[in-house]
Amino acid sequence: MRETVRRQLVRAQGGKITHMKYRLTQYAHGGGCACKIPPGELEAVVAGLIDADRPDDLLIGLDDGDDAAVVRIQDGRAAVATADFFTPVVDDPYDWGRIAAANALSDVYAVGGLPLIAVNLLGWPRDTLPMELAREVLRGGLDVARQARCHVAGGHSVDDPEPKYGMAVTGLADPDRLLRLNAGRPGIPLSLTKPLGIGVLNTRHKSTGEVFPEAVEAMTTLNADASRAALERGHRCATDVTGFGLLGHLYKMARASGVTAIVDASAVPYLAGAREAVRDGFVSGGTHRNLAWVTPHTDFGGVSEEDRLLLADAQTSGGLLVAGEVPGAPVVGELVGRGTHALIVR
């Protein structure tokens, strides 16, 4: 099988390996952050694992489902640790590597840290896919890590029926200037630093092979500038928008902070083609599960089903959702006092 795939990848001129005729997304049951375990199921699994007597130096742990763990170390610093990996979200192996790396690094930025060192996490069906493609995936991850000035030093690989890639990342942060889920307060606006629609466009790509360069550009853009801008303005509450969609991650923020979050659906930016993808039925199972999870806690009023799905769309390497204004990012809502619902969409 492997040799057959290899022959499919070899160009007639010169025998150079190319991925142009090969579709990585067809070797995975899901794609990107849409393949995450549903949020409700995940919370049920970890519910009994939270240590009520955790040490004081563990600043961010399992309590609210923040994006990374943070522990206070010496000399007034904090160490940040996270890991993230997923199945192919696009067919191009180099782009997939870039997207997966940007997504893993985002968890460090989402808590206000700077990535320091990363190790690769690779699952590869070595009897099905040529290792040349794995090298392209790793090369993409390395290039994005270099852009972030984050070292990549080794990692771990396994023979896996489905291709998977990501990184475990360690970073540093100021323990007194963290971004966390439980720091939201009434009267603060909500800013979103990347447009939504990545999930439905990736689902369309997986189904049809159509490429969406704007989506790839969004997914490979680091959240470094957005994180720095939030910290410079004294903001203390944020999360990144990934597999649980805007509404899922905002629900976690509202719940942890003890507030209600209002979303102005008309102010939320979308990638070109996102609405058309929803209308044509390119909605992942992960997005449907996200919407089902938040619906009991949300007052949707007269908001359309199309808008509900887009707001719950499972993003991959999405932007930051910041409690506070960020230059260049649209304000998409606000936090208010606790009401009968955690979320209000209007």
Foldseek 3Di string as FASTA:
>chain_A
DAVVVLVVQADPPPRDGHLPRPFQLVLDPAAFLLPDDFPVVVCVVCVVVDDPCDDPQFLDDPPLPALWTWGDDPPQKIKTKDKDKDFHLTRQLLLSLLLQLLLGQQSQLQFLWAWAEKEKEKEAQPVHYPCVSVVSSPVSNCVLCVVSVYHYDYHDYYHDSTIMIHIIIMTMHRSVQTAALQPADAPFFKWFDFAFQLQLVSLVCSVPVDDDVVSSVQSNDHQNLVSVQCSVVPFHYKHFAAFQAQLQSLLSSLVNNQWAWEFELVQGHHDPPRLVSVVVPSARPSLVSSLVVQVVQEAEDPDDPSSSSRRRGGHRNGYMITRHDGPPTTGGTGIRHDDSHNYYYD
